[in-house]
Amino acid sequence: MAPGEVMKEEHTRLLVDLQTMSVGRTSLNAVFEEILRVFEYHLDREEETTLPLLAFLEQRSTFGSFQKMNPEILKSAWDLFKNEVKTMLTEHRDILRLIEKAEELPGFSQNAYARDVSEAIRNHIRLEEKILYPAAMAAGELLELIYADSSIIFQQK
C-alpha cells in the first residue's frame, strides 16, 4: 500500500475511534473530544499538503511518468507544506499533551479502548514525523530541482 493511502486509511480509522471516545459525559470523553477537534482540523491540511507529495514520490520510485501529475497541484502542495509543517508539528505536540491529560484521569487505565486509541495516535504521529513528513520534504526538495529545469520535465509529448 502506498504511503499516502496508509496515511489516509489511518486518518479515517483514528477519526472514527476519536468520535467513539468523544461520546459521553465523562471527563475522559471531554478530553477525547478536544483531541478530535485538533485532529479534524489537522488532518484536512495534512491530506492537502502531504498526500500529493507522497504520491509524487511513489510515482517517481516506480519510474512513473511525471507528466501524469498536475505540476500546479504539486507546487501548491509543496508551498503549503512548507508553510504548515511547523503548525502541524505543534498540533502533534498538542494532541500528545491531551493524551497525557487523558492518561491522568480516573478510569483511563481501566479503559482498554482509550488506551488503544491513545497508543494508535502516538504511533501515527511517530510514523508521520519519522517517515512521512521527511518523505514529503524530500519530495518537495526534488520538485524544486525539477522546477529549476522545467523545460525538460514539463515539455508536452
C-alpha atoms as a PDB file:
ATOM      1  CA  MET A   1       0.000   0.000   0.000  1.00  0.00           C
ATOM      2  CA  ALA A   2       1.291   3.471  -0.887  1.00  0.00           C
ATOM      3  CA  PRO A   3       2.346   5.770   1.983  1.00  0.00           C
ATOM      4  CA  GLY A   4      -0.394   8.263   1.142  1.00  0.00           C
ATOM      5  CA  GLU A   5      -3.007   5.520   1.203  1.00  0.00           C
ATOM      6  CA  VAL A   6      -1.704   4.310   4.572  1.00  0.00           C
ATOM      7  CA  MET A   7      -1.939   7.833   5.936  1.00  0.00           C
ATOM      8  CA  LYS A   8      -5.478   8.382   4.658  1.00  0.00           C
ATOM      9  CA  GLU A   9      -6.658   4.985   5.916  1.00  0.00           C
ATOM     10  CA  GLU A  10      -5.178   5.638   9.365  1.00  0.00           C
ATOM     11  CA  HIS A  11      -6.750   9.085   9.461  1.00  0.00           C
ATOM     12  CA  THR A  12     -10.158   7.568   8.785  1.00  0.00           C
ATOM     13  CA  ARG A  13      -9.726   4.866  11.425  1.00  0.00           C
ATOM     14  CA  LEU A  14      -8.424   7.312  14.035  1.00  0.00           C
ATOM     15  CA  LEU A  15     -11.214   9.752  13.293  1.00  0.00           C
ATOM     16  CA  VAL A  16     -13.816   7.043  13.937  1.00  0.00           C
ATOM     17  CA  ASP A  17     -12.027   5.983  17.140  1.00  0.00           C
ATOM     18  CA  LEU A  18     -11.859   9.560  18.402  1.00  0.00           C
ATOM     19  CA  GLN A  19     -15.519  10.148  17.578  1.00  0.00           C
ATOM     20  CA  THR A  20     -16.407   6.996  19.509  1.00  0.00           C
ATOM     21  CA  MET A  21     -14.306   8.054  22.503  1.00  0.00           C
ATOM     22  CA  SER A  22     -15.895  11.535  22.451  1.00  0.00           C
ATOM     23  CA  VAL A  23     -19.395  10.211  23.095  1.00  0.00           C
ATOM     24  CA  GLY A  24     -20.399  10.522  26.723  1.00  0.00           C
ATOM     25  CA  ARG A  25     -20.258  12.940  29.610  1.00  0.00           C
ATOM     26  CA  THR A  26     -17.148  11.879  31.463  1.00  0.00           C
ATOM     27  CA  SER A  27     -14.017  13.961  31.757  1.00  0.00           C
ATOM     28  CA  LEU A  28     -12.278  11.291  29.654  1.00  0.00           C
ATOM     29  CA  ASN A  29     -14.834  11.757  26.860  1.00  0.00           C
ATOM     30  CA  ALA A  30     -14.326  15.524  27.061  1.00  0.00           C
ATOM     31  CA  VAL A  31     -10.556  15.212  26.600  1.00  0.00           C
ATOM     32  CA  PHE A  32     -11.024  12.901  23.621  1.00  0.00           C
ATOM     33  CA  GLU A  33     -13.437  15.461  22.185  1.00  0.00           C
ATOM     34  CA  GLU A  34     -10.653  18.067  22.449  1.00  0.00           C
ATOM     35  CA  ILE A  35      -8.263  15.670  20.689  1.00  0.00           C
ATOM     36  CA  LEU A  36     -10.890  15.129  17.987  1.00  0.00           C
ATOM     37  CA  ARG A  37     -11.229  18.886  17.371  1.00  0.00           C
ATOM     38  CA  VAL A  38      -7.475  19.325  16.912  1.00  0.00           C
ATOM     39  CA  PHE A  39      -7.204  16.148  14.822  1.00  0.00           C
ATOM     40  CA  GLU A  40     -10.032  17.063  12.414  1.00  0.00           C
ATOM     41  CA  TYR A  41      -8.523  20.451  11.649  1.00  0.00           C
ATOM     42  CA  HIS A  42      -5.056  18.935  11.394  1.00  0.00           C
ATOM     43  CA  LEU A  43      -5.814  16.073   9.029  1.00  0.00           C
ATOM     44  CA  ASP A  44      -7.536  18.212   6.415  1.00  0.00           C
ATOM     45  CA  ARG A  45      -4.397  20.305   5.901  1.00  0.00           C
ATOM     46  CA  GLU A  46      -2.146  17.285   6.193  1.00  0.00           C
ATOM     47  CA  GLU A  47      -4.011  15.470   3.434  1.00  0.00           C
ATOM     48  CA  GLU A  48      -3.981  18.603   1.257  1.00  0.00           C
ATOM     49  CA  THR A  49      -0.222  19.080   1.644  1.00  0.00           C
ATOM     50  CA  THR A  50       1.446  15.778   2.397  1.00  0.00           C
ATOM     51  CA  LEU A  51      -0.557  13.296   0.306  1.00  0.00           C
ATOM     52  CA  PRO A  52       0.175  14.852  -3.122  1.00  0.00           C
ATOM     53  CA  LEU A  53       3.881  14.986  -2.287  1.00  0.00           C
ATOM     54  CA  LEU A  54       3.902  11.347  -1.196  1.00  0.00           C
ATOM     55  CA  ALA A  55       2.024  10.357  -4.363  1.00  0.00           C
ATOM     56  CA  PHE A  56       4.664  12.156  -6.407  1.00  0.00           C
ATOM     57  CA  LEU A  57       7.443  10.289  -4.581  1.00  0.00           C
ATOM     58  CA  GLU A  58       5.715   6.968  -5.073  1.00  0.00           C
ATOM     59  CA  GLN A  59       5.317   7.611  -8.765  1.00  0.00           C
ATOM     60  CA  ARG A  60       8.985   8.555  -9.053  1.00  0.00           C
ATOM     61  CA  SER A  61      10.025   5.415  -7.187  1.00  0.00           C
ATOM     62  CA  THR A  62       8.245   3.234  -9.739  1.00  0.00           C
ATOM     63  CA  PHE A  63       9.631   5.277 -12.639  1.00  0.00           C
ATOM     64  CA  GLY A  64       6.141   6.520 -13.437  1.00  0.00           C
ATOM     65  CA  SER A  65       5.553   9.395 -15.779  1.00  0.00           C
ATOM     66  CA  PHE A  66       5.846  12.751 -14.087  1.00  0.00           C
ATOM     67  CA  GLN A  67       3.556  14.198 -16.753  1.00  0.00           C
ATOM     68  CA  LYS A  68       0.589  12.328 -15.268  1.00  0.00           C
ATOM     69  CA  MET A  69       0.859  14.573 -12.198  1.00  0.00           C
ATOM     70  CA  ASN A  70      -0.506  18.099 -12.190  1.00  0.00           C
ATOM     71  CA  PRO A  71       2.514  20.353 -11.573  1.00  0.00           C
ATOM     72  CA  GLU A  72       0.351  23.184 -10.215  1.00  0.00           C
ATOM     73  CA  ILE A  73      -1.183  20.897  -7.582  1.00  0.00           C
ATOM     74  CA  LEU A  74       2.257  19.612  -6.602  1.00  0.00           C
ATOM     75  CA  LYS A  75       3.711  23.110  -6.374  1.00  0.00           C
ATOM     76  CA  SER A  76       0.738  24.288  -4.338  1.00  0.00           C
ATOM     77  CA  ALA A  77       1.027  21.273  -2.002  1.00  0.00           C
ATOM     78  CA  TRP A  78       4.755  21.890  -1.541  1.00  0.00           C
ATOM     79  CA  ASP A  79       4.316  25.604  -0.859  1.00  0.00           C
ATOM     80  CA  LEU A  80       1.534  24.882   1.624  1.00  0.00           C
ATOM     81  CA  PHE A  81       3.511  22.072   3.268  1.00  0.00           C
ATOM     82  CA  LYS A  82       6.476  24.389   3.842  1.00  0.00           C
ATOM     83  CA  ASN A  83       4.149  26.957   5.403  1.00  0.00           C
ATOM     84  CA  GLU A  84       2.166  24.474   7.502  1.00  0.00           C
ATOM     85  CA  VAL A  85       4.646  21.825   8.662  1.00  0.00           C
ATOM     86  CA  LYS A  86       5.653  23.691  11.823  1.00  0.00           C
ATOM     87  CA  THR A  87       1.995  24.201  12.733  1.00  0.00           C
ATOM     88  CA  MET A  88       1.232  20.530  12.053  1.00  0.00           C
ATOM     89  CA  LEU A  89       4.131  19.510  14.312  1.00  0.00           C
ATOM     90  CA  THR A  90       2.807  21.850  17.020  1.00  0.00           C
ATOM     91  CA  GLU A  91      -0.603  20.212  16.660  1.00  0.00           C
ATOM     92  CA  HIS A  92       1.070  16.832  17.186  1.00  0.00           C
ATOM     93  CA  ARG A  93       2.525  18.186  20.444  1.00  0.00           C
ATOM     94  CA  ASP A  94      -0.922  19.498  21.437  1.00  0.00           C
ATOM     95  CA  ILE A  95      -2.506  16.109  20.749  1.00  0.00           C
ATOM     96  CA  LEU A  96       0.201  14.319  22.745  1.00  0.00           C
ATOM     97  CA  ARG A  97      -0.332  16.710  25.682  1.00  0.00           C
ATOM     98  CA  LEU A  98      -4.055  15.970  25.580  1.00  0.00           C
ATOM     99  CA  ILE A  99      -3.341  12.231  25.558  1.00  0.00           C
ATOM    100  CA  GLU A 100      -1.169  12.708  28.644  1.00  0.00           C
ATOM    101  CA  LYS A 101      -4.035  14.612  30.241  1.00  0.00           C
ATOM    102  CA  ALA A 102      -6.409  11.741  29.435  1.00  0.00           C
ATOM    103  CA  GLU A 103      -3.982   9.203  30.903  1.00  0.00           C
ATOM    104  CA  GLU A 104      -4.085  11.031  34.250  1.00  0.00           C
ATOM    105  CA  LEU A 105      -7.867  10.861  34.503  1.00  0.00           C
ATOM    106  CA  PRO A 106      -9.675   8.302  36.646  1.00  0.00           C
ATOM    107  CA  GLY A 107     -10.840   5.378  34.582  1.00  0.00           C
ATOM    108  CA  PHE A 108      -8.293   5.725  31.786  1.00  0.00           C
ATOM    109  CA  SER A 109      -6.149   2.792  32.889  1.00  0.00           C
ATOM    110  CA  GLN A 110      -9.242   0.565  33.095  1.00  0.00           C
ATOM    111  CA  ASN A 111     -10.490   1.599  29.644  1.00  0.00           C
ATOM    112  CA  ALA A 112      -8.756  -0.656  27.109  1.00  0.00           C
ATOM    113  CA  TYR A 113     -10.281   1.186  24.156  1.00  0.00           C
ATOM    114  CA  ALA A 114      -8.994   4.561  25.411  1.00  0.00           C
ATOM    115  CA  ARG A 115      -5.533   3.073  25.881  1.00  0.00           C
ATOM    116  CA  ASP A 116      -5.601   1.513  22.388  1.00  0.00           C
ATOM    117  CA  VAL A 117      -6.756   4.744  20.723  1.00  0.00           C
ATOM    118  CA  SER A 118      -4.094   6.731  22.575  1.00  0.00           C
ATOM    119  CA  GLU A 119      -1.363   4.320  21.522  1.00  0.00           C
ATOM    120  CA  ALA A 120      -2.610   4.296  17.906  1.00  0.00           C
ATOM    121  CA  ILE A 121      -2.443   8.090  17.809  1.00  0.00           C
ATOM    122  CA  ARG A 122       1.065   8.071  19.267  1.00  0.00           C
ATOM    123  CA  ASN A 123       2.184   5.521  16.669  1.00  0.00           C
ATOM    124  CA  HIS A 124       0.579   7.524  13.891  1.00  0.00           C
ATOM    125  CA  ILE A 125       2.352  10.696  14.968  1.00  0.00           C
ATOM    126  CA  ARG A 126       5.671   8.808  15.088  1.00  0.00           C
ATOM    127  CA  LEU A 127       5.069   7.461  11.568  1.00  0.00           C
ATOM    128  CA  GLU A 128       4.324  10.924  10.253  1.00  0.00           C
ATOM    129  CA  GLU A 129       7.228  12.640  11.974  1.00  0.00           C
ATOM    130  CA  LYS A 130       9.867   9.978  11.335  1.00  0.00           C
ATOM    131  CA  ILE A 131       8.885   8.811   7.847  1.00  0.00           C
ATOM    132  CA  LEU A 132       6.045  10.606   6.066  1.00  0.00           C
ATOM    133  CA  TYR A 133       6.912  14.259   6.764  1.00  0.00           C
ATOM    134  CA  PRO A 134      10.592  13.734   5.894  1.00  0.00           C
ATOM    135  CA  ALA A 135       9.476  11.938   2.715  1.00  0.00           C
ATOM    136  CA  ALA A 136       7.173  14.838   1.840  1.00  0.00           C
ATOM    137  CA  MET A 137      10.060  17.245   2.496  1.00  0.00           C
ATOM    138  CA  ALA A 138      12.329  15.210   0.205  1.00  0.00           C
ATOM    139  CA  ALA A 139       9.634  15.171  -2.480  1.00  0.00           C
ATOM    140  CA  GLY A 140       9.263  18.939  -2.264  1.00  0.00           C
ATOM    141  CA  GLU A 141      13.006  19.467  -2.480  1.00  0.00           C
ATOM    142  CA  LEU A 142      13.126  17.170  -5.508  1.00  0.00           C
ATOM    143  CA  LEU A 143      10.301  19.170  -7.067  1.00  0.00           C
ATOM    144  CA  GLU A 144      12.315  22.350  -6.598  1.00  0.00           C
ATOM    145  CA  LEU A 145      15.182  20.757  -8.520  1.00  0.00           C
ATOM    146  CA  ILE A 146      12.800  19.612 -11.224  1.00  0.00           C
ATOM    147  CA  TYR A 147      11.173  23.042 -11.453  1.00  0.00           C
ATOM    148  CA  ALA A 148      14.628  24.559 -11.865  1.00  0.00           C
ATOM    149  CA  ASP A 149      14.931  22.574 -15.094  1.00  0.00           C
ATOM    150  CA  SER A 150      11.260  22.514 -16.021  1.00  0.00           C
ATOM    151  CA  SER A 151      11.977  22.794 -19.724  1.00  0.00           C
ATOM    152  CA  ILE A 152      12.996  19.123 -19.636  1.00  0.00           C
ATOM    153  CA  ILE A 153      10.396  17.782 -17.235  1.00  0.00           C
ATOM    154  CA  PHE A 154       7.270  19.681 -18.250  1.00  0.00           C
ATOM    155  CA  GLN A 155       7.549  19.583 -22.014  1.00  0.00           C
ATOM    156  CA  GLN A 156       4.396  18.264 -23.646  1.00  0.00           C
ATOM    157  CA  LYS A 157       4.508  14.997 -25.545  1.00  0.00           C
END
